[in-house]
Amino acid sequence: MKTRFYYLLWIFITFIASAISLVLILNNIDPDVNFKMWSIILIISSFFMLNSFLALCIYFFKKIYYRWEIYIKNINSSLRQGSLIAIFIISCVVFYYIWVFSFMTGFLLFTIIVLIELIFQSFQE
């Protein structure tokens, strides 16, 4: 019980810290000075924020779905699924930024992410 609480607490702290760093990056760093560094830091910060936020949301959806019977493996799978969704969202944004995003590239990226999740699920069983 305590392990699950501390694990969720660390995920929540990661969300708060990365959200604060994302706001600080957007407000205080000038992208005209060093655009590559600004974009890399922005992508990393937004990845951690999306990852932790989506992991918490998926965890609570699983908690409702499994009728409050939740184990540590559900938190791990929620964190993994949150990471994959965050990678998908950030990749779509980067593809859109470099003018290569289309419906087909988004669909292929989504298919790759789903297949990676299926590989992870087959390893767990």
Foldseek 3Di string as FASTA:
>chain_A
DVVVVVVLVVLVVQLVVLVVVLVCLVPPDDCVVPVVVSVVSNLVSQLSNQLSVQLVVQLVVVCVVVVNPDDVVSSVLSSVLSNLVSVLVSVQVVCVVVVNDDPVVSVVSVVVSVVVSVVVVVVVD
